[in-house]
N, C-alpha and C. Protein backbone atom coordinates (compact mmCIF):
# COMPACT_ATOMS: atom_id res chain seq x y z
N MET A 1 -40.59 105.29 -0.60
CA MET A 1 -40.91 104.00 -0.82
C MET A 1 -42.11 103.81 -0.56
N ALA A 2 -42.99 104.16 0.69
CA ALA A 2 -44.39 104.24 0.91
C ALA A 2 -44.90 104.52 -0.61
N ARG A 3 -44.69 105.54 -1.42
CA ARG A 3 -45.62 106.14 -1.97
C ARG A 3 -45.58 105.27 -3.50
N ALA A 4 -43.99 104.62 -3.91
CA ALA A 4 -43.96 103.98 -4.58
C ALA A 4 -44.82 102.59 -4.58
N PHE A 5 -44.89 102.33 -3.40
CA PHE A 5 -45.76 101.05 -3.20
C PHE A 5 -46.80 101.14 -3.48
N ALA A 6 -47.69 102.30 -2.80
CA ALA A 6 -48.92 102.20 -3.19
C ALA A 6 -49.53 102.71 -4.72
N LYS A 7 -48.60 103.19 -5.03
CA LYS A 7 -48.30 103.20 -6.57
C LYS A 7 -48.80 102.48 -7.56
N ILE A 8 -47.95 101.07 -7.51
CA ILE A 8 -47.74 99.79 -8.27
C ILE A 8 -49.39 99.24 -7.38
N GLY A 9 -48.89 99.01 -6.00
CA GLY A 9 -50.62 98.13 -5.94
C GLY A 9 -51.68 98.39 -5.33
N PHE A 10 -51.76 99.66 -5.12
CA PHE A 10 -53.19 100.34 -4.69
C PHE A 10 -53.98 100.79 -6.13
N THR A 11 -54.36 99.87 -6.88
CA THR A 11 -55.03 99.76 -7.90
C THR A 11 -56.46 100.20 -7.67
N PRO A 12 -57.50 100.86 -8.43
CA PRO A 12 -58.57 101.05 -8.73
C PRO A 12 -59.43 100.01 -7.51
N ASN A 13 -59.37 98.89 -8.37
CA ASN A 13 -60.12 97.29 -7.45
C ASN A 13 -59.66 97.63 -6.58
N VAL A 14 -58.75 97.34 -5.84
CA VAL A 14 -57.63 97.35 -5.02
C VAL A 14 -58.02 97.78 -3.94
N LYS A 15 -58.24 99.77 -4.21
CA LYS A 15 -59.05 100.67 -3.64
C LYS A 15 -60.10 100.22 -3.35
N GLN A 16 -61.05 100.04 -4.13
CA GLN A 16 -62.60 99.47 -3.94
C GLN A 16 -62.35 98.60 -2.68
N ILE A 17 -61.84 97.60 -2.51
CA ILE A 17 -61.83 96.20 -1.42
C ILE A 17 -61.69 96.99 -0.32
N GLN A 18 -60.87 97.59 -0.01
CA GLN A 18 -59.76 98.30 0.87
C GLN A 18 -60.98 99.44 1.62
N THR A 19 -62.27 99.76 0.69
CA THR A 19 -63.30 100.81 1.26
C THR A 19 -64.19 100.04 1.83
N GLU A 20 -64.24 98.71 1.22
CA GLU A 20 -65.68 97.93 1.15
C GLU A 20 -65.25 97.57 2.88
N MET A 21 -64.13 96.87 3.04
CA MET A 21 -63.52 96.02 3.96
C MET A 21 -62.98 97.35 5.30
N GLY A 22 -63.30 98.84 5.23
CA GLY A 22 -63.10 99.85 6.42
C GLY A 22 -61.62 99.98 6.21
N SER A 23 -60.85 99.75 5.55
CA SER A 23 -59.39 100.07 6.19
C SER A 23 -58.55 100.92 4.93
N ARG A 24 -59.67 101.68 4.18
CA ARG A 24 -59.20 102.91 3.27
C ARG A 24 -58.46 103.91 3.89
N ASN A 25 -58.86 104.50 4.92
CA ASN A 25 -58.57 105.60 5.66
C ASN A 25 -57.06 105.14 5.96
N SER A 26 -57.07 103.79 6.65
CA SER A 26 -55.42 103.71 7.15
C SER A 26 -54.28 103.65 5.81
N TYR A 27 -54.68 103.07 4.76
CA TYR A 27 -54.03 103.11 3.41
C TYR A 27 -53.86 104.18 2.95
N GLN A 28 -54.71 105.24 3.10
CA GLN A 28 -54.41 106.08 2.09
C GLN A 28 -53.77 107.30 2.66
N SER A 29 -53.24 107.59 3.53
CA SER A 29 -51.99 108.19 4.02
C SER A 29 -50.23 107.80 2.90
N LEU A 30 -50.57 106.73 2.60
CA LEU A 30 -49.24 105.92 2.37
C LEU A 30 -49.07 106.75 0.52
N GLU A 31 -50.40 107.00 -0.01
CA GLU A 31 -50.39 107.39 -1.31
C GLU A 31 -49.93 109.44 -1.45
N HIS A 32 -49.83 109.52 -0.25
CA HIS A 32 -49.51 111.52 -0.24
C HIS A 32 -48.07 111.21 -0.33
N GLY A 33 -47.86 112.45 -0.90
CA GLY A 33 -46.20 112.77 -0.84
C GLY A 33 -45.44 112.74 -2.58
N GLU A 34 -44.81 113.02 -2.44
CA GLU A 34 -43.63 112.83 -3.69
C GLU A 34 -42.93 111.43 -3.91
N ILE A 35 -42.95 110.81 -5.09
CA ILE A 35 -42.58 109.29 -5.01
C ILE A 35 -41.02 109.68 -5.09
N VAL A 36 -40.16 109.07 -4.10
CA VAL A 36 -38.77 108.44 -4.25
C VAL A 36 -38.43 107.35 -4.89
N PRO A 37 -37.44 106.88 -5.10
CA PRO A 37 -37.12 105.70 -5.49
C PRO A 37 -36.74 104.88 -4.28
N SER A 38 -37.25 103.68 -4.54
CA SER A 38 -36.76 102.81 -3.46
C SER A 38 -35.41 102.23 -3.42
N LEU A 39 -34.59 102.70 -2.71
CA LEU A 39 -33.46 102.50 -2.17
C LEU A 39 -32.97 101.30 -1.53
N ILE A 40 -31.87 100.46 -1.63
CA ILE A 40 -31.71 99.39 -0.56
C ILE A 40 -30.91 99.75 0.22
N ASP A 41 -31.11 99.92 1.65
CA ASP A 41 -30.64 100.17 2.93
C ASP A 41 -29.58 99.47 3.41
N ASP A 42 -29.16 99.58 4.21
CA ASP A 42 -28.29 98.41 5.11
C ASP A 42 -28.67 97.46 5.76
N LYS A 43 -30.18 97.47 6.53
CA LYS A 43 -31.04 96.62 6.56
C LYS A 43 -31.30 95.60 5.49
N ALA A 44 -31.87 95.95 4.43
CA ALA A 44 -32.51 95.66 3.05
C ALA A 44 -31.12 94.34 2.81
N LYS A 45 -30.23 95.23 2.54
CA LYS A 45 -28.81 94.97 2.10
C LYS A 45 -28.84 93.45 2.87
N GLN A 46 -28.60 93.89 3.78
CA GLN A 46 -27.85 92.54 4.71
C GLN A 46 -28.90 91.74 4.38
N PHE A 47 -29.73 91.92 4.64
CA PHE A 47 -31.26 90.44 4.38
C PHE A 47 -31.09 89.56 3.51
N ILE A 48 -31.02 90.91 2.01
CA ILE A 48 -30.82 89.90 0.32
C ILE A 48 -30.03 88.88 0.53
N GLU A 49 -28.85 89.70 1.04
CA GLU A 49 -27.52 88.89 0.68
C GLU A 49 -27.53 87.44 1.64
N GLN A 50 -28.27 87.53 3.39
CA GLN A 50 -28.34 86.48 3.56
C GLN A 50 -29.26 85.03 2.97
N ARG A 51 -29.89 85.79 1.82
CA ARG A 51 -30.82 84.74 1.51
C ARG A 51 -30.32 83.40 0.80
N ASP A 52 -30.79 82.51 0.48
CA ASP A 52 -30.42 80.91 -0.07
C ASP A 52 -31.58 80.61 -1.37
N SER A 53 -32.67 81.75 -0.90
CA SER A 53 -33.66 81.26 -2.00
C SER A 53 -34.38 82.26 -2.20
N PHE A 54 -35.81 82.36 -2.99
CA PHE A 54 -36.55 83.62 -2.91
C PHE A 54 -37.85 83.11 -3.92
N TYR A 55 -38.84 83.76 -3.97
CA TYR A 55 -39.80 83.14 -4.94
C TYR A 55 -40.04 84.42 -6.22
N MET A 56 -40.41 84.69 -7.27
CA MET A 56 -40.44 84.97 -8.65
C MET A 56 -41.99 85.22 -9.25
N ALA A 57 -42.79 85.73 -8.99
CA ALA A 57 -43.85 86.04 -9.93
C ALA A 57 -43.74 86.70 -10.82
N THR A 58 -44.28 86.37 -12.09
CA THR A 58 -44.29 86.85 -13.52
C THR A 58 -45.65 86.58 -13.77
N THR A 59 -45.81 87.03 -15.15
CA THR A 59 -47.36 86.75 -15.81
C THR A 59 -47.18 86.52 -17.15
N ASN A 60 -48.17 85.89 -17.94
CA ASN A 60 -48.33 85.78 -18.82
C ASN A 60 -48.49 86.46 -20.28
N GLU A 61 -49.21 85.99 -21.27
CA GLU A 61 -49.63 86.79 -22.48
C GLU A 61 -51.14 86.94 -22.26
N ASP A 62 -51.56 85.24 -21.51
CA ASP A 62 -53.20 85.51 -20.76
C ASP A 62 -53.39 86.03 -19.54
N GLY A 63 -52.65 87.13 -18.99
CA GLY A 63 -52.50 87.84 -17.73
C GLY A 63 -52.45 86.40 -16.71
N TRP A 64 -52.15 84.81 -16.80
CA TRP A 64 -51.99 84.34 -16.10
C TRP A 64 -50.81 84.59 -15.30
N PRO A 65 -50.20 84.33 -13.84
CA PRO A 65 -49.56 84.96 -12.98
C PRO A 65 -48.63 83.25 -12.90
N TYR A 66 -47.48 83.09 -12.44
CA TYR A 66 -46.83 81.98 -12.57
C TYR A 66 -45.74 82.62 -11.01
N ILE A 67 -45.75 81.72 -10.07
CA ILE A 67 -44.44 82.20 -9.25
C ILE A 67 -43.69 80.61 -9.24
N GLN A 68 -42.24 81.10 -9.51
CA GLN A 68 -41.49 80.08 -8.97
C GLN A 68 -40.26 80.18 -7.72
N HIS A 69 -39.58 79.09 -7.64
CA HIS A 69 -38.89 79.45 -6.56
C HIS A 69 -37.68 79.17 -7.10
N ARG A 70 -36.31 79.85 -6.50
CA ARG A 70 -35.58 79.94 -6.89
C ARG A 70 -34.63 79.93 -5.65
N GLY A 71 -33.25 79.26 -6.22
CA GLY A 71 -32.54 78.89 -4.76
C GLY A 71 -31.41 78.44 -5.57
N GLY A 72 -30.71 78.93 -4.58
CA GLY A 72 -28.65 78.92 -5.02
C GLY A 72 -28.11 78.66 -3.67
N PRO A 73 -26.93 79.33 -3.64
CA PRO A 73 -25.93 79.21 -2.60
C PRO A 73 -26.28 80.52 -1.84
N LYS A 74 -26.23 80.75 -0.56
CA LYS A 74 -26.52 81.68 0.29
C LYS A 74 -25.68 82.97 -0.38
N GLY A 75 -26.67 83.81 -0.41
CA GLY A 75 -25.57 85.25 -1.62
C GLY A 75 -25.73 85.48 -2.53
N PHE A 76 -26.19 83.98 -3.58
CA PHE A 76 -26.77 84.42 -4.84
C PHE A 76 -26.99 85.43 -5.46
N LEU A 77 -28.32 86.03 -4.76
CA LEU A 77 -28.81 86.54 -5.33
C LEU A 77 -28.13 87.86 -4.59
N LYS A 78 -27.63 88.79 -5.72
CA LYS A 78 -26.35 89.95 -5.82
C LYS A 78 -27.29 91.43 -5.20
N VAL A 79 -26.64 91.92 -4.64
CA VAL A 79 -27.10 93.73 -4.64
C VAL A 79 -25.76 94.58 -5.93
N LEU A 80 -26.45 94.71 -6.57
CA LEU A 80 -25.36 95.44 -7.77
C LEU A 80 -25.84 96.87 -7.67
N GLY A 81 -26.28 97.62 -6.49
CA GLY A 81 -26.61 98.72 -6.79
C GLY A 81 -27.28 99.34 -5.70
N ASN A 82 -27.75 100.61 -5.46
CA ASN A 82 -28.51 101.13 -4.54
C ASN A 82 -29.87 100.75 -4.88
N ASN A 83 -30.34 100.33 -5.93
CA ASN A 83 -31.51 99.71 -6.33
C ASN A 83 -31.91 98.70 -7.20
N MET A 84 -30.75 98.01 -7.65
CA MET A 84 -30.40 96.82 -8.96
C MET A 84 -30.06 95.32 -7.55
N LEU A 85 -31.10 94.42 -8.34
CA LEU A 85 -30.43 93.36 -8.07
C LEU A 85 -30.15 92.51 -8.64
N GLY A 86 -29.36 91.08 -8.97
CA GLY A 86 -29.34 90.11 -10.12
C GLY A 86 -28.88 88.69 -9.29
N PHE A 87 -28.97 87.98 -10.39
CA PHE A 87 -28.70 86.62 -9.83
C PHE A 87 -28.57 86.00 -11.45
N ALA A 88 -27.92 84.97 -10.58
CA ALA A 88 -27.37 84.23 -12.17
C ALA A 88 -28.41 82.57 -12.39
N ASP A 89 -29.05 82.43 -13.50
CA ASP A 89 -30.11 81.55 -13.60
C ASP A 89 -29.58 80.52 -13.89
N PHE A 90 -29.58 79.70 -12.84
CA PHE A 90 -28.95 78.20 -13.26
C PHE A 90 -29.47 77.05 -13.88
N SER A 91 -29.18 76.27 -14.16
CA SER A 91 -29.69 75.14 -15.04
C SER A 91 -30.89 74.55 -14.23
N GLY A 92 -31.87 74.22 -14.86
CA GLY A 92 -32.71 73.71 -13.66
C GLY A 92 -34.09 72.58 -14.60
N ASN A 93 -35.50 73.44 -14.51
CA ASN A 93 -36.20 72.54 -15.34
C ASN A 93 -36.12 73.03 -16.93
N ARG A 94 -36.93 72.21 -17.83
CA ARG A 94 -36.73 72.66 -19.11
C ARG A 94 -38.27 72.91 -19.29
N GLN A 95 -38.94 73.70 -18.01
CA GLN A 95 -40.25 74.36 -18.86
C GLN A 95 -40.33 75.77 -19.16
N TYR A 96 -39.30 76.71 -18.28
CA TYR A 96 -38.86 78.03 -18.92
C TYR A 96 -40.16 79.02 -19.34
N LEU A 97 -41.06 78.35 -17.72
CA LEU A 97 -42.26 79.53 -17.81
C LEU A 97 -41.60 81.05 -17.30
N THR A 98 -41.43 80.91 -16.06
CA THR A 98 -40.65 82.31 -16.39
C THR A 98 -39.64 83.13 -17.52
N VAL A 99 -39.44 82.60 -17.64
CA VAL A 99 -38.17 82.80 -18.86
C VAL A 99 -39.27 83.15 -20.15
N GLY A 100 -39.91 82.50 -20.34
CA GLY A 100 -40.79 82.96 -21.78
C GLY A 100 -41.84 83.81 -20.96
N ASN A 101 -41.76 84.16 -19.94
CA ASN A 101 -43.06 84.96 -19.48
C ASN A 101 -42.53 86.69 -19.56
N LEU A 102 -41.15 86.76 -19.38
CA LEU A 102 -40.44 87.83 -19.16
C LEU A 102 -40.21 88.36 -20.86
N LEU A 103 -40.61 87.69 -22.07
CA LEU A 103 -40.58 88.22 -23.02
C LEU A 103 -41.47 88.99 -23.38
N GLY A 104 -42.07 89.07 -23.05
CA GLY A 104 -43.99 89.73 -22.97
C GLY A 104 -44.01 90.96 -21.81
N ASN A 105 -43.70 90.33 -20.74
CA ASN A 105 -43.57 91.45 -19.51
C ASN A 105 -42.75 91.41 -18.73
N ASP A 106 -41.75 92.16 -18.47
CA ASP A 106 -40.49 92.04 -17.73
C ASP A 106 -40.81 92.50 -16.45
N ARG A 107 -42.48 92.97 -15.77
CA ARG A 107 -42.55 92.91 -14.41
C ARG A 107 -42.72 91.66 -13.76
N VAL A 108 -41.68 91.77 -12.23
CA VAL A 108 -41.58 90.82 -11.46
C VAL A 108 -42.05 90.94 -9.93
N CYS A 109 -42.43 90.34 -8.98
CA CYS A 109 -42.33 90.46 -7.75
C CYS A 109 -41.87 89.21 -7.07
N LEU A 110 -40.65 89.74 -6.05
CA LEU A 110 -39.89 88.67 -5.84
C LEU A 110 -40.43 88.95 -3.78
N PHE A 111 -40.47 87.90 -3.08
CA PHE A 111 -40.69 87.21 -1.91
C PHE A 111 -39.06 86.73 -1.38
N LEU A 112 -38.79 87.25 -0.34
CA LEU A 112 -37.79 86.89 0.39
C LEU A 112 -38.09 86.57 1.70
N MET A 113 -37.52 85.34 1.46
CA MET A 113 -38.20 85.11 3.30
C MET A 113 -37.27 84.53 4.05
N SER A 114 -37.38 84.80 5.75
CA SER A 114 -36.51 84.17 6.80
C SER A 114 -37.39 83.73 7.54
N TYR A 115 -37.62 82.38 7.01
CA TYR A 115 -39.00 82.02 8.15
C TYR A 115 -38.62 81.59 9.83
N GLY A 116 -37.32 81.78 10.01
CA GLY A 116 -36.47 81.89 11.39
C GLY A 116 -36.39 83.22 11.79
N GLU A 117 -36.69 84.25 11.54
CA GLU A 117 -36.88 85.22 12.10
C GLU A 117 -38.12 85.67 12.16
N ARG A 118 -38.56 84.87 10.83
CA ARG A 118 -40.38 85.46 10.83
C ARG A 118 -40.55 86.82 10.83
N ARG A 119 -39.52 86.81 8.98
CA ARG A 119 -39.65 88.48 8.10
C ARG A 119 -39.99 88.27 6.81
N ARG A 120 -40.19 89.23 6.45
CA ARG A 120 -40.22 88.92 4.72
C ARG A 120 -40.36 89.89 4.34
N LEU A 121 -39.79 90.21 3.13
CA LEU A 121 -39.63 91.67 1.82
C LEU A 121 -39.99 91.07 0.69
N LYS A 122 -40.89 91.69 0.25
CA LYS A 122 -41.42 92.13 -1.05
C LYS A 122 -41.14 93.13 -1.83
N ILE A 123 -40.28 92.60 -2.94
CA ILE A 123 -39.47 93.44 -4.30
C ILE A 123 -40.57 93.50 -5.54
N TRP A 124 -41.11 94.82 -5.97
CA TRP A 124 -41.73 94.82 -7.21
C TRP A 124 -40.24 95.46 -8.12
N GLY A 125 -40.42 94.46 -9.38
CA GLY A 125 -39.51 95.42 -10.46
C GLY A 125 -39.24 94.89 -11.52
N ARG A 126 -38.65 95.44 -12.05
CA ARG A 126 -38.18 95.05 -13.49
C ARG A 126 -36.95 94.65 -14.29
N VAL A 127 -37.15 92.70 -15.14
CA VAL A 127 -35.98 92.60 -14.88
C VAL A 127 -35.30 92.23 -16.60
N LYS A 128 -34.23 92.55 -16.62
CA LYS A 128 -33.63 92.60 -17.80
C LYS A 128 -32.73 91.14 -18.09
N VAL A 129 -33.37 89.75 -18.94
CA VAL A 129 -32.23 88.75 -18.98
C VAL A 129 -30.99 89.33 -20.03
N ILE A 130 -30.14 88.56 -19.45
CA ILE A 130 -28.77 89.20 -20.30
C ILE A 130 -28.34 87.28 -20.56
N LYS A 131 -27.73 87.44 -21.85
CA LYS A 131 -27.28 86.45 -22.32
C LYS A 131 -25.93 86.30 -21.61
N GLU A 132 -25.09 85.44 -22.08
CA GLU A 132 -23.58 85.49 -21.89
C GLU A 132 -23.06 86.15 -23.08
N GLU A 133 -23.67 85.39 -24.38
CA GLU A 133 -22.52 85.48 -25.37
C GLU A 133 -22.78 87.62 -26.08
N ASP A 134 -24.15 88.62 -25.10
CA ASP A 134 -24.44 89.41 -24.89
C ASP A 134 -23.43 90.36 -24.38
N ASP A 135 -23.67 90.01 -22.92
CA ASP A 135 -22.90 90.56 -21.27
C ASP A 135 -21.92 89.55 -21.43
N PRO A 136 -20.48 89.02 -21.48
CA PRO A 136 -19.89 88.09 -20.37
C PRO A 136 -19.95 88.68 -18.98
N ALA A 137 -18.87 90.16 -19.25
CA ALA A 137 -18.38 90.63 -18.50
C ALA A 137 -20.08 90.40 -16.97
N GLN A 138 -20.84 90.86 -17.69
CA GLN A 138 -21.90 90.97 -16.53
C GLN A 138 -22.68 89.39 -15.73
N ILE A 139 -22.14 88.69 -16.81
CA ILE A 139 -22.95 87.51 -16.25
C ILE A 139 -21.97 86.89 -15.23
N ALA A 140 -20.49 87.24 -15.08
CA ALA A 140 -19.76 86.67 -14.95
C ALA A 140 -19.68 87.12 -13.28
N ARG A 141 -20.04 88.56 -13.36
CA ARG A 141 -20.22 89.04 -11.23
C ARG A 141 -21.29 88.57 -11.18
N LEU A 142 -22.61 87.85 -12.01
CA LEU A 142 -23.14 87.30 -11.19
C LEU A 142 -23.45 85.74 -10.91
N GLU A 143 -22.10 85.27 -10.90
CA GLU A 143 -21.46 83.69 -11.45
C GLU A 143 -21.27 83.40 -9.92
N VAL A 144 -21.49 82.38 -8.97
CA VAL A 144 -20.74 82.01 -7.80
C VAL A 144 -19.62 81.14 -7.70
N SER A 145 -18.54 82.19 -7.46
CA SER A 145 -17.48 80.84 -7.91
C SER A 145 -17.34 79.63 -7.14
N ASP A 146 -17.57 79.27 -6.43
CA ASP A 146 -17.55 77.86 -5.71
C ASP A 146 -18.84 76.93 -6.13
N PHE A 147 -19.82 77.76 -6.64
CA PHE A 147 -21.22 76.89 -7.41
C PHE A 147 -21.24 76.28 -8.39
N ARG A 148 -21.50 74.99 -8.50
CA ARG A 148 -21.18 74.61 -9.92
C ARG A 148 -21.83 74.60 -10.99
N ALA A 149 -23.35 74.87 -10.66
CA ALA A 149 -24.41 74.33 -11.22
C ALA A 149 -24.15 75.59 -12.82
N PRO A 150 -24.66 75.13 -14.14
CA PRO A 150 -24.28 75.78 -15.43
C PRO A 150 -25.45 76.90 -15.03
N VAL A 151 -24.74 78.27 -15.67
CA VAL A 151 -25.91 79.42 -15.88
C VAL A 151 -25.87 78.99 -16.96
N GLU A 152 -27.71 78.99 -16.92
CA GLU A 152 -27.97 79.66 -18.56
C GLU A 152 -27.90 81.22 -18.73
N ARG A 153 -28.03 82.09 -18.16
CA ARG A 153 -28.74 83.57 -18.35
C ARG A 153 -28.27 84.08 -17.24
N GLY A 154 -28.50 85.46 -17.46
CA GLY A 154 -28.29 86.22 -16.12
C GLY A 154 -29.56 87.32 -15.92
N MET A 155 -29.79 87.67 -14.82
CA MET A 155 -31.63 88.09 -14.85
C MET A 155 -30.89 89.38 -13.67
N VAL A 156 -31.28 90.52 -13.93
CA VAL A 156 -31.00 91.73 -13.38
C VAL A 156 -32.22 92.64 -12.67
N ILE A 157 -32.13 92.82 -11.86
CA ILE A 157 -33.54 93.43 -11.72
C ILE A 157 -33.52 94.83 -11.15
N THR A 158 -34.23 95.89 -11.67
CA THR A 158 -34.04 97.33 -11.18
C THR A 158 -35.62 97.33 -10.30
N ILE A 159 -35.09 97.65 -8.89
CA ILE A 159 -36.41 98.09 -8.37
C ILE A 159 -37.25 99.19 -8.24
N GLU A 160 -38.16 98.88 -8.21
CA GLU A 160 -39.36 100.19 -8.36
C GLU A 160 -39.94 100.31 -6.88
N ALA A 161 -39.87 99.15 -6.36
CA ALA A 161 -41.12 99.63 -5.03
C ALA A 161 -40.46 98.39 -4.03
N MET A 162 -40.43 98.47 -2.81
CA MET A 162 -40.45 97.86 -1.67
C MET A 162 -41.25 97.60 -0.58
N ASP A 163 -41.34 96.90 0.35
CA ASP A 163 -42.23 96.71 1.48
C ASP A 163 -41.61 95.42 2.49
N TRP A 164 -42.00 95.61 3.91
CA TRP A 164 -41.57 95.11 4.77
C TRP A 164 -42.58 94.74 5.42
N ASN A 165 -42.86 93.55 5.77
CA ASN A 165 -44.63 92.61 5.67
C ASN A 165 -44.43 92.22 6.89
N CYS A 166 -45.36 92.13 7.94
CA CYS A 166 -45.72 91.85 8.88
C CYS A 166 -45.06 90.24 9.34
N SER A 167 -45.35 89.70 10.67
CA SER A 167 -44.56 88.24 10.97
C SER A 167 -45.87 87.52 11.14
N LYS A 168 -47.04 87.77 10.74
CA LYS A 168 -48.23 86.75 10.91
C LYS A 168 -48.00 86.01 10.05
N TYR A 169 -48.70 84.67 10.81
CA TYR A 169 -48.59 83.44 10.12
C TYR A 169 -47.73 82.94 9.83
N ILE A 170 -46.72 83.78 9.88
CA ILE A 170 -45.14 83.09 8.95
C ILE A 170 -44.73 81.85 10.68
N THR A 171 -44.34 80.96 10.21
CA THR A 171 -44.22 79.64 11.27
C THR A 171 -43.10 79.55 10.92
N PRO A 172 -42.11 79.80 12.03
CA PRO A 172 -41.27 79.86 12.40
C PRO A 172 -40.31 78.64 11.92
N ARG A 173 -39.29 78.61 10.49
CA ARG A 173 -38.46 77.28 10.20
C ARG A 173 -37.28 77.26 10.34
N TYR A 174 -36.51 76.19 10.50
CA TYR A 174 -35.00 76.28 10.81
C TYR A 174 -34.17 75.66 9.35
N THR A 175 -32.93 75.94 9.16
CA THR A 175 -32.39 75.60 7.74
C THR A 175 -31.57 74.71 8.72
N ARG A 176 -30.82 73.71 8.39
CA ARG A 176 -29.65 72.64 9.57
C ARG A 176 -28.57 73.53 9.68
N ASP A 177 -28.47 74.33 8.76
CA ASP A 177 -26.94 75.60 9.84
C ASP A 177 -27.76 76.48 11.01
N GLU A 178 -28.85 77.21 10.69
CA GLU A 178 -29.88 77.34 11.83
C GLU A 178 -29.64 76.53 12.93
N LEU A 179 -30.01 75.80 12.69
CA LEU A 179 -29.99 74.54 14.13
C LEU A 179 -29.10 74.46 14.79
N ASP A 180 -28.06 74.02 13.74
CA ASP A 180 -26.50 74.01 14.32
C ASP A 180 -25.55 75.16 15.18
N LYS A 181 -26.41 76.07 15.05
CA LYS A 181 -25.81 77.30 15.02
C LYS A 181 -26.61 77.29 16.26
N GLN A 182 -28.03 77.58 16.71
CA GLN A 182 -28.46 77.13 17.70
C GLN A 182 -28.28 76.62 19.24
N LEU A 183 -28.03 74.95 18.66
CA LEU A 183 -27.66 73.81 19.15
C LEU A 183 -26.02 74.33 20.46
N ALA A 184 -25.31 75.37 19.24
CA ALA A 184 -23.64 75.47 19.55
C ALA A 184 -24.07 76.55 20.74
N GLU A 185 -24.99 77.77 20.62
CA GLU A 185 -25.45 78.19 21.83
C GLU A 185 -25.79 77.90 22.75
N PHE A 186 -26.67 77.09 22.32
CA PHE A 186 -27.65 76.23 23.74
C PHE A 186 -26.61 75.78 24.70
N LYS A 187 -25.56 75.07 23.97
CA LYS A 187 -24.99 73.90 24.80
C LYS A 187 -23.68 74.84 25.81
N LYS A 188 -22.88 76.49 24.72
CA LYS A 188 -22.53 77.25 25.48
C LYS A 188 -23.12 77.24 26.30
N ALA A 189 -24.06 78.12 26.34
CA ALA A 189 -24.63 78.41 27.54
C ALA A 189 -25.41 77.50 28.56
N GLU A 190 -24.93 76.12 28.77
CA GLU A 190 -25.52 74.69 29.64
C GLU A 190 -24.15 74.93 30.02
N GLN A 191 -23.11 74.80 29.61
CA GLN A 191 -21.69 74.39 29.80
C GLN A 191 -21.24 75.85 31.01
N HIS A 192 -21.98 77.57 30.56
CA HIS A 192 -21.38 78.31 31.60
C HIS A 192 -21.90 78.27 32.56
N SER A 193 -23.18 77.66 32.39
CA SER A 193 -24.22 76.96 33.57
C SER A 193 -23.39 75.91 34.53
N GLU A 194 -23.37 75.16 34.19
CA GLU A 194 -22.83 73.94 34.54
C GLU A 194 -21.80 74.61 35.51
N SER A 195 -20.42 75.46 34.36
CA SER A 195 -19.44 76.57 35.42
C SER A 195 -19.36 77.15 36.33
N MET A 196 -20.13 77.90 36.61
CA MET A 196 -20.86 78.74 37.15
C MET A 196 -21.50 78.19 38.43
N ALA A 197 -22.02 77.38 38.23
CA ALA A 197 -22.96 76.29 39.38
C ALA A 197 -21.62 75.73 40.31
N TYR A 198 -20.65 74.61 39.38
CA TYR A 198 -19.67 74.40 40.14
C TYR A 198 -18.94 75.14 41.13
N GLN A 199 -18.52 77.00 40.41
CA GLN A 199 -17.63 77.37 41.35
C GLN A 199 -18.36 78.23 42.16
N ASN A 200 -19.97 78.24 42.54
CA ASN A 200 -20.35 78.77 43.49
C ASN A 200 -20.61 77.63 44.64
N ALA A 201 -20.64 76.17 44.06
CA ALA A 201 -20.58 75.32 45.03
C ALA A 201 -19.27 74.81 45.70
N GLU A 202 -18.46 75.13 44.93
CA GLU A 202 -16.85 75.42 45.15
C GLU A 202 -16.93 76.44 46.47
N THR A 203 -17.39 77.82 46.09
CA THR A 203 -17.17 78.63 47.00
C THR A 203 -18.23 78.19 47.97
N HIS A 204 -18.93 77.75 47.85
CA HIS A 204 -20.09 77.39 49.50
C HIS A 204 -19.41 76.83 50.55
N LYS A 205 -18.76 75.35 49.57
CA LYS A 205 -17.44 74.32 50.63
C LYS A 205 -16.69 74.84 50.92
N SER A 206 -15.94 75.69 50.44
CA SER A 206 -14.82 76.92 50.94
C SER A 206 -15.13 77.15 52.08
N SER A 207 -16.77 77.85 52.05
CA SER A 207 -17.14 78.95 53.26
C SER A 207 -17.15 78.53 53.98
N LYS A 208 -17.85 77.06 54.09
CA LYS A 208 -18.23 76.31 55.09
C LYS A 208 -17.04 75.39 55.73
N ASN A 209 -16.01 74.95 55.31
CA ASN A 209 -14.41 74.64 56.18
C ASN A 209 -14.11 75.85 56.44
N THR A 210 -13.75 77.14 56.02
CA THR A 210 -13.94 78.28 56.99
C THR A 210 -14.84 78.33 58.43
N GLU A 211 -15.84 78.20 57.98
CA GLU A 211 -16.52 77.61 59.03
C GLU A 211 -16.45 77.10 60.34
N ASN A 212 -16.47 75.92 60.13
CA ASN A 212 -15.83 74.86 60.56
C ASN A 212 -14.62 74.93 61.64
N ILE A 213 -13.80 75.56 60.80
CA ILE A 213 -12.44 75.92 61.42
C ILE A 213 -12.38 76.88 62.63
N PHE A 214 -13.17 77.91 62.30
CA PHE A 214 -13.24 79.25 63.26
C PHE A 214 -14.19 78.19 64.28
N ALA A 215 -14.85 77.27 63.97
CA ALA A 215 -16.16 77.20 65.26
C ALA A 215 -14.86 76.15 66.05
N ARG A 216 -13.78 75.27 65.82
CA ARG A 216 -13.52 74.75 66.46
C ARG A 216 -12.27 75.44 67.28
N ASP A 217 -12.13 76.63 66.51
CA ASP A 217 -10.98 77.35 67.27
C ASP A 217 -11.84 77.78 68.61
């Protein structure tokens, strides 16, 4: 994974800046060794399938980048294989910048964020755009059964490199479901604490009563 990541990311200009800033030696070790395919392990699979959105960057014919936020129900970004992802492209705005960019350059970069956990996974890959009339079975595989938004096309991404980023400067943010879960856990802990305090008080009270009985005797 590291070698594939370095091959894509560490261009001559990037290496020049790394040298100027004093970090070149630290990163140079990532470039050694055999290039092995970037495969989705269990950790990455679980992380990917829990996401309900991600950011996807493409580049147009003039070299300008474009970053689009893609969203849907949790799990709409599907793991299709050990190096392949796919999602149904739901109907949204009518600019079609991403789809148009992919006609000239199939390269994409995805950022998957978990603000609550302060984790992010970035993925480089190549996209195949699929029309329903060309491959209805694949579109059916990408659809989300209980989500009613119209599907305009499918997108299948073959991964070329992945990398986990550090948590620095990721501000924790939580969804309503995450907050509800945390509140439920807090209330459960609070109820347990109150129960233990009551039991301790009753035990102490019982002990005092026993002491008084022995004192009268």
